[in-house]
Amino acid sequence: MLKLSLDALQILDAIDRRGSFAAAGKALHKVPSTISYTVSKLEQDLGVQLFDRVGPRAQLTQAGQALLEEGRHLLRAARELEMRVRRVASGWEAELTVAVDSMFQPALLAEDVRAFNAVAEQTRVRLISESLSGTWEALLDRRADLLVGAAGEGPSGGGYVVEPMGVVEFVFAVSPSHPLAAVPGPLGREQLAAHCAIAVADSARRLLPRTVGLLMGQETVTVPDTVSKFRLQCAGLGFGFLPAPYVQQAVQQGRLVIKQVEEPKPDETFWLAWRPGEEGAALRWWRARMQGPAVMAGWWPTMQGWLG
């Protein structure tokens, strides 16, 4: 009798990604007792311990890691099979996951989701947020079908198609109350090293994470997205590079000051990306909807309104 189920593997995957039984339950919309029972039953059936339960966190044992590593292949295969069957039947994917780089906000796609739902045939849309290399990793690991506003060059080895969405200028900004605001001339490494940097965390789990504009040994506060970085810099808690459209209004309001630095950050291209050979109707719709520089350019006024 088969002792493994896709539901059990999905629960193991969620516990590992979220770090606890309770967090996995929230992510899967299951009560904690269901999560605990499924894991205990699977451990009993297999005769192995899958988790070391230490405090609120759940750590996979060596046996659990081996099971989950292979189980994730099965989960991906099951998702691909479901999508393939639905696509053959109707031309529309069962689900489409759009990953938005954390410099932006998934809510920027609200009107696009509304327009899509008006024409789509039973395709579920998932919007997720990833950062830096983590955005590309989501595509290559099949956790996302389309990347919107992916930062920088993708990883070597290919496996994806890209189109530019726009080029963004970055500026070095601090609060007027920050000590660096009063320093004359371009700021060098020695001057920056004495102060705290605000950095966006790379969400990559497997690819080499990117570090942008940090010095060796630099005191750093790490945040999950660029909106949080912007707000901490406005609060005077640190420095860093920000997209020029982010700071325009804040500079006019006196909340930020742009400083020249000896090592400026070059302009960066942001991309639309997808895997080749996957031509479902939903992916074609979103690709067409997101194409062209006007899409990203149209986000900036909304973002500035959200930033206050």
C-alpha atoms as a PDB file:
ATOM      1  CA  MET A   1       0.000   0.000   0.000  1.00  0.00           C
ATOM      2  CA  LEU A   2       1.336   3.449  -0.952  1.00  0.00           C
ATOM      3  CA  LYS A   3       2.387   5.303   2.206  1.00  0.00           C
ATOM      4  CA  LEU A   4       3.188   8.641   0.560  1.00  0.00           C
ATOM      5  CA  SER A   5       0.696  11.147  -0.798  1.00  0.00           C
ATOM      6  CA  LEU A   6       1.116  14.432  -2.630  1.00  0.00           C
ATOM      7  CA  ASP A   7      -0.772  16.127   0.196  1.00  0.00           C
ATOM      8  CA  ALA A   8       1.762  14.846   2.756  1.00  0.00           C
ATOM      9  CA  LEU A   9       4.685  15.955   0.589  1.00  0.00           C
ATOM     10  CA  GLN A  10       3.118  19.386   0.190  1.00  0.00           C
ATOM     11  CA  ILE A  11       2.839  19.677   3.972  1.00  0.00           C
ATOM     12  CA  LEU A  12       6.504  18.674   4.444  1.00  0.00           C
ATOM     13  CA  ASP A  13       7.535  21.223   1.838  1.00  0.00           C
ATOM     14  CA  ALA A  14       5.521  23.983   3.537  1.00  0.00           C
ATOM     15  CA  ILE A  15       6.972  23.178   6.983  1.00  0.00           C
ATOM     16  CA  ASP A  16      10.504  23.305   5.611  1.00  0.00           C
ATOM     17  CA  ARG A  17       9.946  26.595   3.760  1.00  0.00           C
ATOM     18  CA  ARG A  18       8.009  28.296   6.573  1.00  0.00           C
ATOM     19  CA  GLY A  19      10.003  26.916   9.498  1.00  0.00           C
ATOM     20  CA  SER A  20       7.199  25.646  11.730  1.00  0.00           C
ATOM     21  CA  PHE A  21       4.023  23.550  11.764  1.00  0.00           C
ATOM     22  CA  ALA A  22       1.919  26.619  12.619  1.00  0.00           C
ATOM     23  CA  ALA A  23       3.300  28.714   9.745  1.00  0.00           C
ATOM     24  CA  ALA A  24       2.817  25.812   7.321  1.00  0.00           C
ATOM     25  CA  GLY A  25      -0.800  25.499   8.440  1.00  0.00           C
ATOM     26  CA  LYS A  26      -1.425  29.172   7.690  1.00  0.00           C
ATOM     27  CA  ALA A  27       0.195  28.897   4.265  1.00  0.00           C
ATOM     28  CA  LEU A  28      -1.876  25.819   3.343  1.00  0.00           C
ATOM     29  CA  HIS A  29      -5.085  26.980   5.086  1.00  0.00           C
ATOM     30  CA  LYS A  30      -5.067  23.898   7.335  1.00  0.00           C
ATOM     31  CA  VAL A  31      -5.515  23.745  11.103  1.00  0.00           C
ATOM     32  CA  PRO A  32      -2.331  22.870  13.074  1.00  0.00           C
ATOM     33  CA  SER A  33      -3.801  19.573  14.251  1.00  0.00           C
ATOM     34  CA  THR A  34      -4.106  18.411  10.620  1.00  0.00           C
ATOM     35  CA  ILE A  35      -0.463  19.295   9.963  1.00  0.00           C
ATOM     36  CA  SER A  36       0.725  17.459  13.105  1.00  0.00           C
ATOM     37  CA  TYR A  37      -1.430  14.395  12.405  1.00  0.00           C
ATOM     38  CA  THR A  38      -0.236  14.093   8.799  1.00  0.00           C
ATOM     39  CA  VAL A  39       3.428  14.277   9.810  1.00  0.00           C
ATOM     40  CA  SER A  40       3.003  11.843  12.715  1.00  0.00           C
ATOM     41  CA  LYS A  41       1.084   9.369  10.528  1.00  0.00           C
ATOM     42  CA  LEU A  42       3.749   9.560   7.812  1.00  0.00           C
ATOM     43  CA  GLU A  43       6.530   9.005  10.373  1.00  0.00           C
ATOM     44  CA  GLN A  44       4.634   6.016  11.750  1.00  0.00           C
ATOM     45  CA  ASP A  45       3.989   4.514   8.313  1.00  0.00           C
ATOM     46  CA  LEU A  46       7.597   4.954   7.177  1.00  0.00           C
ATOM     47  CA  GLY A  47       9.141   4.035  10.527  1.00  0.00           C
ATOM     48  CA  VAL A  48      11.467   7.059  10.542  1.00  0.00           C
ATOM     49  CA  GLN A  49      11.587  10.423  12.289  1.00  0.00           C
ATOM     50  CA  LEU A  50      11.245  13.261   9.786  1.00  0.00           C
ATOM     51  CA  PHE A  51      11.567  16.303  12.053  1.00  0.00           C
ATOM     52  CA  ASP A  52      13.561  17.307  15.116  1.00  0.00           C
ATOM     53  CA  ARG A  53      11.074  19.416  17.041  1.00  0.00           C
ATOM     54  CA  VAL A  54      13.068  22.019  19.003  1.00  0.00           C
ATOM     55  CA  GLY A  55      10.943  24.843  20.402  1.00  0.00           C
ATOM     56  CA  PRO A  56       8.615  26.463  17.868  1.00  0.00           C
ATOM     57  CA  ARG A  57      10.814  25.535  14.893  1.00  0.00           C
ATOM     58  CA  ALA A  58      10.775  22.196  13.086  1.00  0.00           C
ATOM     59  CA  GLN A  59      14.097  21.009  11.658  1.00  0.00           C
ATOM     60  CA  LEU A  60      14.233  18.187   9.106  1.00  0.00           C
ATOM     61  CA  THR A  61      16.250  15.123  10.052  1.00  0.00           C
ATOM     62  CA  GLN A  62      18.623  13.611   7.514  1.00  0.00           C
ATOM     63  CA  ALA A  63      15.907  11.145   6.522  1.00  0.00           C
ATOM     64  CA  GLY A  64      13.393  13.975   6.232  1.00  0.00           C
ATOM     65  CA  GLN A  65      15.721  15.966   4.000  1.00  0.00           C
ATOM     66  CA  ALA A  66      16.213  12.989   1.696  1.00  0.00           C
ATOM     67  CA  LEU A  67      12.463  12.402   1.494  1.00  0.00           C
ATOM     68  CA  LEU A  68      11.671  16.049   0.795  1.00  0.00           C
ATOM     69  CA  GLU A  69      14.412  16.433  -1.818  1.00  0.00           C
ATOM     70  CA  GLU A  70      12.936  13.605  -3.884  1.00  0.00           C
ATOM     71  CA  GLY A  71       9.384  14.570  -2.951  1.00  0.00           C
ATOM     72  CA  ARG A  72       9.788  18.022  -4.457  1.00  0.00           C
ATOM     73  CA  HIS A  73      10.511  16.394  -7.804  1.00  0.00           C
ATOM     74  CA  LEU A  74       7.200  14.561  -7.487  1.00  0.00           C
ATOM     75  CA  LEU A  75       5.340  17.759  -6.551  1.00  0.00           C
ATOM     76  CA  ARG A  76       6.751  19.589  -9.573  1.00  0.00           C
ATOM     77  CA  ALA A  77       5.865  16.649 -11.824  1.00  0.00           C
ATOM     78  CA  ALA A  78       2.311  16.566 -10.453  1.00  0.00           C
ATOM     79  CA  ARG A  79       1.865  20.322 -11.030  1.00  0.00           C
ATOM     80  CA  GLU A  80       3.215  20.035 -14.553  1.00  0.00           C
ATOM     81  CA  LEU A  81       0.898  17.100 -15.282  1.00  0.00           C
ATOM     82  CA  GLU A  82      -2.137  19.008 -14.029  1.00  0.00           C
ATOM     83  CA  MET A  83      -1.245  22.043 -16.117  1.00  0.00           C
ATOM     84  CA  ARG A  84      -0.530  19.939 -19.184  1.00  0.00           C
ATOM     85  CA  VAL A  85      -3.888  18.141 -18.962  1.00  0.00           C
ATOM     86  CA  ARG A  86      -5.805  21.392 -18.469  1.00  0.00           C
ATOM     87  CA  ARG A  87      -3.894  23.053 -21.302  1.00  0.00           C
ATOM     88  CA  VAL A  88      -4.628  20.181 -23.683  1.00  0.00           C
ATOM     89  CA  ALA A  89      -8.325  20.324 -22.800  1.00  0.00           C
ATOM     90  CA  SER A  90      -8.873  24.073 -22.972  1.00  0.00           C
ATOM     91  CA  GLY A  91      -5.650  25.841 -23.945  1.00  0.00           C
ATOM     92  CA  TRP A  92      -5.639  27.625 -20.559  1.00  0.00           C
ATOM     93  CA  GLU A  93      -3.278  26.707 -17.719  1.00  0.00           C
ATOM     94  CA  ALA A  94      -4.741  25.456 -14.430  1.00  0.00           C
ATOM     95  CA  GLU A  95      -2.570  27.974 -12.574  1.00  0.00           C
ATOM     96  CA  LEU A  96      -0.176  30.761 -13.515  1.00  0.00           C
ATOM     97  CA  THR A  97       2.321  32.168 -11.024  1.00  0.00           C
ATOM     98  CA  VAL A  98       3.675  35.656 -11.644  1.00  0.00           C
ATOM     99  CA  ALA A  99       6.756  36.651  -9.626  1.00  0.00           C
ATOM    100  CA  VAL A 100       7.264  40.392  -9.120  1.00  0.00           C
ATOM    101  CA  ASP A 101      10.648  41.701  -8.020  1.00  0.00           C
ATOM    102  CA  SER A 102      10.481  43.179  -4.518  1.00  0.00           C
ATOM    103  CA  MET A 103      11.499  46.611  -5.806  1.00  0.00           C
ATOM    104  CA  PHE A 104       7.893  46.808  -6.946  1.00  0.00           C
ATOM    105  CA  GLN A 105       4.672  45.572  -5.308  1.00  0.00           C
ATOM    106  CA  PRO A 106       2.375  42.772  -6.575  1.00  0.00           C
ATOM    107  CA  ALA A 107      -0.595  45.103  -5.969  1.00  0.00           C
ATOM    108  CA  LEU A 108       0.606  47.145  -8.956  1.00  0.00           C
ATOM    109  CA  LEU A 109      -0.905  44.367 -11.095  1.00  0.00           C
ATOM    110  CA  ALA A 110      -4.411  44.781  -9.662  1.00  0.00           C
ATOM    111  CA  GLU A 111      -5.980  46.093 -12.857  1.00  0.00           C
ATOM    112  CA  ASP A 112      -4.112  43.502 -14.917  1.00  0.00           C
ATOM    113  CA  VAL A 113      -5.545  40.719 -12.719  1.00  0.00           C
ATOM    114  CA  ARG A 114      -9.020  42.219 -13.124  1.00  0.00           C
ATOM    115  CA  ALA A 115      -8.654  42.291 -16.922  1.00  0.00           C
ATOM    116  CA  PHE A 116      -7.261  38.757 -16.972  1.00  0.00           C
ATOM    117  CA  ASN A 117     -10.086  37.336 -14.867  1.00  0.00           C
ATOM    118  CA  ALA A 118     -12.574  38.815 -17.330  1.00  0.00           C
ATOM    119  CA  VAL A 119     -11.218  36.702 -20.195  1.00  0.00           C
ATOM    120  CA  ALA A 120      -9.489  33.690 -18.587  1.00  0.00           C
ATOM    121  CA  GLU A 121     -11.076  30.262 -18.397  1.00  0.00           C
ATOM    122  CA  GLN A 122     -10.598  28.874 -14.895  1.00  0.00           C
ATOM    123  CA  THR A 123      -6.916  29.813 -14.559  1.00  0.00           C
ATOM    124  CA  ARG A 124      -5.825  30.565 -10.997  1.00  0.00           C
ATOM    125  CA  VAL A 125      -3.378  33.459 -10.713  1.00  0.00           C
ATOM    126  CA  ARG A 126      -0.753  33.574  -7.976  1.00  0.00           C
ATOM    127  CA  LEU A 127       1.264  36.739  -7.394  1.00  0.00           C
ATOM    128  CA  ILE A 128       4.480  36.308  -5.406  1.00  0.00           C
ATOM    129  CA  SER A 129       7.320  38.635  -4.455  1.00  0.00           C
ATOM    130  CA  GLU A 130      10.986  37.665  -4.757  1.00  0.00           C
ATOM    131  CA  SER A 131      14.241  39.610  -4.536  1.00  0.00           C
ATOM    132  CA  LEU A 132      17.359  39.780  -6.713  1.00  0.00           C
ATOM    133  CA  SER A 133      18.629  36.277  -7.606  1.00  0.00           C
ATOM    134  CA  GLY A 134      15.620  34.755  -5.865  1.00  0.00           C
ATOM    135  CA  THR A 135      13.377  36.097  -8.625  1.00  0.00           C
ATOM    136  CA  TRP A 136      15.321  34.199 -11.300  1.00  0.00           C
ATOM    137  CA  GLU A 137      15.539  31.106  -9.117  1.00  0.00           C
ATOM    138  CA  ALA A 138      11.739  31.032  -8.804  1.00  0.00           C
ATOM    139  CA  LEU A 139      11.491  30.768 -12.594  1.00  0.00           C
ATOM    140  CA  LEU A 140      14.184  28.106 -12.990  1.00  0.00           C
ATOM    141  CA  ASP A 141      12.740  26.047 -10.097  1.00  0.00           C
ATOM    142  CA  ARG A 142       9.266  26.292 -11.654  1.00  0.00           C
ATOM    143  CA  ARG A 143       7.832  28.144  -8.673  1.00  0.00           C
ATOM    144  CA  ALA A 144       6.981  30.964 -11.100  1.00  0.00           C
ATOM    145  CA  ASP A 145       5.880  30.948 -14.741  1.00  0.00           C
ATOM    146  CA  LEU A 146       6.550  34.594 -15.523  1.00  0.00           C
ATOM    147  CA  LEU A 147       8.944  37.133 -14.001  1.00  0.00           C
ATOM    148  CA  VAL A 148       7.879  40.771 -13.986  1.00  0.00           C
ATOM    149  CA  GLY A 149      10.565  43.382 -13.309  1.00  0.00           C
ATOM    150  CA  ALA A 150      13.372  40.866 -12.678  1.00  0.00           C
ATOM    151  CA  ALA A 151      16.549  42.710 -11.687  1.00  0.00           C
ATOM    152  CA  GLY A 152      19.877  42.457 -13.498  1.00  0.00           C
ATOM    153  CA  GLU A 153      21.188  39.688 -15.683  1.00  0.00           C
ATOM    154  CA  GLY A 154      19.768  36.225 -15.241  1.00  0.00           C
ATOM    155  CA  PRO A 155      21.932  33.279 -14.117  1.00  0.00           C
ATOM    156  CA  SER A 156      24.215  31.540 -16.602  1.00  0.00           C
ATOM    157  CA  GLY A 157      23.013  28.389 -18.290  1.00  0.00           C
ATOM    158  CA  GLY A 158      19.870  29.785 -19.886  1.00  0.00           C
ATOM    159  CA  GLY A 159      16.524  28.053 -19.638  1.00  0.00           C
ATOM    160  CA  TYR A 160      14.591  31.300 -20.020  1.00  0.00           C
ATOM    161  CA  VAL A 161      13.641  34.013 -22.522  1.00  0.00           C
ATOM    162  CA  VAL A 162      13.837  37.708 -21.631  1.00  0.00           C
ATOM    163  CA  GLU A 163      12.529  41.049 -22.844  1.00  0.00           C
ATOM    164  CA  PRO A 164      13.565  44.395 -21.295  1.00  0.00           C
ATOM    165  CA  MET A 165      10.867  46.268 -19.375  1.00  0.00           C
ATOM    166  CA  GLY A 166      12.924  49.350 -18.645  1.00  0.00           C
ATOM    167  CA  VAL A 167      16.146  50.831 -17.299  1.00  0.00           C
ATOM    168  CA  VAL A 168      16.212  52.341 -13.811  1.00  0.00           C
ATOM    169  CA  GLU A 169      18.636  54.964 -12.503  1.00  0.00           C
ATOM    170  CA  PHE A 170      19.827  54.534  -8.910  1.00  0.00           C
ATOM    171  CA  VAL A 171      20.900  57.352  -6.593  1.00  0.00           C
ATOM    172  CA  PHE A 172      22.636  57.381  -3.205  1.00  0.00           C
ATOM    173  CA  ALA A 173      20.313  58.862  -0.592  1.00  0.00           C
ATOM    174  CA  VAL A 174      20.301  59.633   3.124  1.00  0.00           C
ATOM    175  CA  SER A 175      18.026  61.464   5.515  1.00  0.00           C
ATOM    176  CA  PRO A 176      18.935  65.158   6.104  1.00  0.00           C
ATOM    177  CA  SER A 177      19.497  64.154   9.753  1.00  0.00           C
ATOM    178  CA  HIS A 178      22.077  61.514   8.846  1.00  0.00           C
ATOM    179  CA  PRO A 179      25.752  62.433   9.506  1.00  0.00           C
ATOM    180  CA  LEU A 180      26.672  61.759   5.864  1.00  0.00           C
ATOM    181  CA  ALA A 181      24.248  64.458   4.697  1.00  0.00           C
ATOM    182  CA  ALA A 182      26.638  67.177   5.955  1.00  0.00           C
ATOM    183  CA  VAL A 183      29.832  65.685   4.485  1.00  0.00           C
ATOM    184  CA  PRO A 184      31.045  67.752   1.481  1.00  0.00           C
ATOM    185  CA  GLY A 185      32.106  66.255  -1.827  1.00  0.00           C
ATOM    186  CA  PRO A 186      31.711  62.703  -3.161  1.00  0.00           C
ATOM    187  CA  LEU A 187      31.603  60.065  -0.423  1.00  0.00           C
ATOM    188  CA  GLY A 188      34.331  57.420  -0.436  1.00  0.00           C
ATOM    189  CA  ARG A 189      34.649  53.933   1.053  1.00  0.00           C
ATOM    190  CA  GLU A 190      36.228  55.110   4.308  1.00  0.00           C
ATOM    191  CA  GLN A 191      33.404  57.548   4.990  1.00  0.00           C
ATOM    192  CA  LEU A 192      30.712  54.948   4.202  1.00  0.00           C
ATOM    193  CA  ALA A 193      32.345  52.196   6.263  1.00  0.00           C
ATOM    194  CA  ALA A 194      31.713  54.121   9.485  1.00  0.00           C
ATOM    195  CA  HIS A 195      27.933  54.042   9.034  1.00  0.00           C
ATOM    196  CA  CYS A 196      25.120  51.500   8.712  1.00  0.00           C
ATOM    197  CA  ALA A 197      23.896  50.397   5.288  1.00  0.00           C
ATOM    198  CA  ILE A 198      20.298  49.397   4.521  1.00  0.00           C
ATOM    199  CA  ALA A 199      20.135  46.416   2.139  1.00  0.00           C
ATOM    200  CA  VAL A 200      17.436  44.298   0.512  1.00  0.00           C
ATOM    201  CA  ALA A 201      17.824  40.584   1.310  1.00  0.00           C
ATOM    202  CA  ASP A 202      18.228  38.235  -1.630  1.00  0.00           C
ATOM    203  CA  SER A 203      15.446  35.633  -1.487  1.00  0.00           C
ATOM    204  CA  ALA A 204      17.503  32.976  -3.347  1.00  0.00           C
ATOM    205  CA  ARG A 205      17.569  29.569  -1.648  1.00  0.00           C
ATOM    206  CA  ARG A 206      19.928  27.837  -4.065  1.00  0.00           C
ATOM    207  CA  LEU A 207      21.556  30.393  -6.384  1.00  0.00           C
ATOM    208  CA  LEU A 208      24.408  32.565  -5.150  1.00  0.00           C
ATOM    209  CA  PRO A 209      22.807  35.612  -3.491  1.00  0.00           C
ATOM    210  CA  ARG A 210      23.608  39.078  -4.786  1.00  0.00           C
ATOM    211  CA  THR A 211      25.033  41.765  -2.523  1.00  0.00           C
ATOM    212  CA  VAL A 212      24.666  45.291  -3.868  1.00  0.00           C
ATOM    213  CA  GLY A 213      26.826  48.194  -2.668  1.00  0.00           C
ATOM    214  CA  LEU A 214      28.017  46.629   0.604  1.00  0.00           C
ATOM    215  CA  LEU A 215      31.555  46.834   1.964  1.00  0.00           C
ATOM    216  CA  MET A 216      33.357  43.976   3.720  1.00  0.00           C
ATOM    217  CA  GLY A 217      32.397  44.024   7.400  1.00  0.00           C
ATOM    218  CA  GLN A 218      29.837  46.772   6.830  1.00  0.00           C
ATOM    219  CA  GLU A 219      27.238  47.249   9.569  1.00  0.00           C
ATOM    220  CA  THR A 220      24.010  46.407   7.786  1.00  0.00           C
ATOM    221  CA  VAL A 221      20.273  46.268   8.407  1.00  0.00           C
ATOM    222  CA  THR A 222      18.625  43.844   5.975  1.00  0.00           C
ATOM    223  CA  VAL A 223      15.015  44.275   4.864  1.00  0.00           C
ATOM    224  CA  PRO A 224      12.709  42.198   2.629  1.00  0.00           C
ATOM    225  CA  ASP A 225      11.904  44.825  -0.033  1.00  0.00           C
ATOM    226  CA  THR A 226      12.836  48.228  -1.428  1.00  0.00           C
ATOM    227  CA  VAL A 227       9.815  49.954   0.120  1.00  0.00           C
ATOM    228  CA  SER A 228      11.119  49.001   3.599  1.00  0.00           C
ATOM    229  CA  LYS A 229      14.618  50.135   2.608  1.00  0.00           C
ATOM    230  CA  PHE A 230      13.260  53.505   1.464  1.00  0.00           C
ATOM    231  CA  ARG A 231      11.376  54.051   4.711  1.00  0.00           C
ATOM    232  CA  LEU A 232      14.320  53.151   6.961  1.00  0.00           C
ATOM    233  CA  GLN A 233      16.564  55.518   5.030  1.00  0.00           C
ATOM    234  CA  CYS A 234      13.968  58.283   5.373  1.00  0.00           C
ATOM    235  CA  ALA A 235      14.025  57.572   9.112  1.00  0.00           C
ATOM    236  CA  GLY A 236      17.776  58.201   9.185  1.00  0.00           C
ATOM    237  CA  LEU A 237      18.709  54.642  10.165  1.00  0.00           C
ATOM    238  CA  GLY A 238      21.185  54.112   7.332  1.00  0.00           C
ATOM    239  CA  PHE A 239      22.231  54.791   3.767  1.00  0.00           C
ATOM    240  CA  GLY A 240      22.070  53.103   0.396  1.00  0.00           C
ATOM    241  CA  PHE A 241      21.162  53.302  -3.258  1.00  0.00           C
ATOM    242  CA  LEU A 242      17.503  53.717  -4.181  1.00  0.00           C
ATOM    243  CA  PRO A 243      15.671  53.868  -7.525  1.00  0.00           C
ATOM    244  CA  ALA A 244      15.591  57.516  -8.644  1.00  0.00           C
ATOM    245  CA  PRO A 245      11.783  57.469  -9.112  1.00  0.00           C
ATOM    246  CA  TYR A 246      11.429  56.381  -5.452  1.00  0.00           C
ATOM    247  CA  VAL A 247      13.260  59.405  -4.070  1.00  0.00           C
ATOM    248  CA  GLN A 248      12.049  62.198  -6.357  1.00  0.00           C
ATOM    249  CA  GLN A 249       9.090  63.182  -4.186  1.00  0.00           C
ATOM    250  CA  ALA A 250      10.955  62.536  -0.905  1.00  0.00           C
ATOM    251  CA  VAL A 251      13.752  64.914  -1.986  1.00  0.00           C
ATOM    252  CA  GLN A 252      11.221  67.624  -2.851  1.00  0.00           C
ATOM    253  CA  GLN A 253       9.619  67.142   0.581  1.00  0.00           C
ATOM    254  CA  GLY A 254      12.980  67.334   2.365  1.00  0.00           C
ATOM    255  CA  ARG A 255      12.839  63.726   3.627  1.00  0.00           C
ATOM    256  CA  LEU A 256      15.898  62.565   1.674  1.00  0.00           C
ATOM    257  CA  VAL A 257      19.100  64.112   0.331  1.00  0.00           C
ATOM    258  CA  ILE A 258      20.910  62.771  -2.737  1.00  0.00           C
ATOM    259  CA  LYS A 259      24.682  62.504  -2.247  1.00  0.00           C
ATOM    260  CA  GLN A 260      27.436  61.920  -4.771  1.00  0.00           C
ATOM    261  CA  VAL A 261      29.663  58.891  -4.189  1.00  0.00           C
ATOM    262  CA  GLU A 262      33.021  57.877  -5.619  1.00  0.00           C
ATOM    263  CA  GLU A 263      31.590  54.503  -6.680  1.00  0.00           C
ATOM    264  CA  PRO A 264      28.080  55.092  -8.062  1.00  0.00           C
ATOM    265  CA  LYS A 265      25.702  52.242  -8.877  1.00  0.00           C
ATOM    266  CA  PRO A 266      25.164  51.897 -12.643  1.00  0.00           C
ATOM    267  CA  ASP A 267      21.712  52.000 -14.190  1.00  0.00           C
ATOM    268  CA  GLU A 268      20.041  48.579 -14.101  1.00  0.00           C
ATOM    269  CA  THR A 269      17.797  46.868 -16.628  1.00  0.00           C
ATOM    270  CA  PHE A 270      14.674  45.101 -15.383  1.00  0.00           C
ATOM    271  CA  TRP A 271      13.263  42.190 -17.362  1.00  0.00           C
ATOM    272  CA  LEU A 272      10.191  40.241 -18.322  1.00  0.00           C
ATOM    273  CA  ALA A 273      11.192  36.548 -18.372  1.00  0.00           C
ATOM    274  CA  TRP A 274       9.628  33.127 -18.944  1.00  0.00           C
ATOM    275  CA  ARG A 275      10.619  29.570 -19.831  1.00  0.00           C
ATOM    276  CA  PRO A 276      10.631  28.737 -23.564  1.00  0.00           C
ATOM    277  CA  GLY A 277       8.252  26.203 -25.070  1.00  0.00           C
ATOM    278  CA  GLU A 278       5.374  26.900 -22.670  1.00  0.00           C
ATOM    279  CA  GLU A 279       2.671  28.520 -24.753  1.00  0.00           C
ATOM    280  CA  GLY A 280      -0.503  28.317 -22.691  1.00  0.00           C
ATOM    281  CA  ALA A 281      -3.151  30.976 -23.283  1.00  0.00           C
ATOM    282  CA  ALA A 282      -2.672  32.531 -19.819  1.00  0.00           C
ATOM    283  CA  LEU A 283       1.080  32.952 -20.231  1.00  0.00           C
ATOM    284  CA  ARG A 284       0.585  34.441 -23.707  1.00  0.00           C
ATOM    285  CA  TRP A 285      -1.957  36.904 -22.289  1.00  0.00           C
ATOM    286  CA  TRP A 286       0.323  38.063 -19.472  1.00  0.00           C
ATOM    287  CA  ARG A 287       3.359  38.300 -21.734  1.00  0.00           C
ATOM    288  CA  ALA A 288       1.469  40.542 -24.141  1.00  0.00           C
ATOM    289  CA  ARG A 289       0.056  42.592 -21.255  1.00  0.00           C
ATOM    290  CA  MET A 290       3.469  43.214 -19.649  1.00  0.00           C
ATOM    291  CA  GLN A 291       5.425  43.970 -22.834  1.00  0.00           C
ATOM    292  CA  GLY A 292       6.798  47.415 -23.562  1.00  0.00           C
ATOM    293  CA  PRO A 293       8.487  50.146 -21.495  1.00  0.00           C
ATOM    294  CA  ALA A 294       5.180  51.932 -20.819  1.00  0.00           C
ATOM    295  CA  VAL A 295       4.160  49.218 -18.306  1.00  0.00           C
ATOM    296  CA  MET A 296       6.959  49.817 -15.814  1.00  0.00           C
ATOM    297  CA  ALA A 297       6.936  53.572 -16.438  1.00  0.00           C
ATOM    298  CA  GLY A 298       3.261  53.601 -15.485  1.00  0.00           C
ATOM    299  CA  TRP A 299       4.011  52.050 -12.095  1.00  0.00           C
ATOM    300  CA  TRP A 300       6.104  54.920 -10.740  1.00  0.00           C
ATOM    301  CA  PRO A 301       3.293  57.436 -10.038  1.00  0.00           C
ATOM    302  CA  THR A 302       1.401  54.747  -8.096  1.00  0.00           C
ATOM    303  CA  MET A 303       4.522  53.735  -6.171  1.00  0.00           C
ATOM    304  CA  GLN A 304       5.240  57.362  -5.251  1.00  0.00           C
ATOM    305  CA  GLY A 305       1.695  57.688  -3.919  1.00  0.00           C
ATOM    306  CA  TRP A 306       2.176  54.575  -1.761  1.00  0.00           C
ATOM    307  CA  LEU A 307       5.519  55.814  -0.471  1.00  0.00           C
ATOM    308  CA  GLY A 308       3.886  59.037   0.756  1.00  0.00           C
END
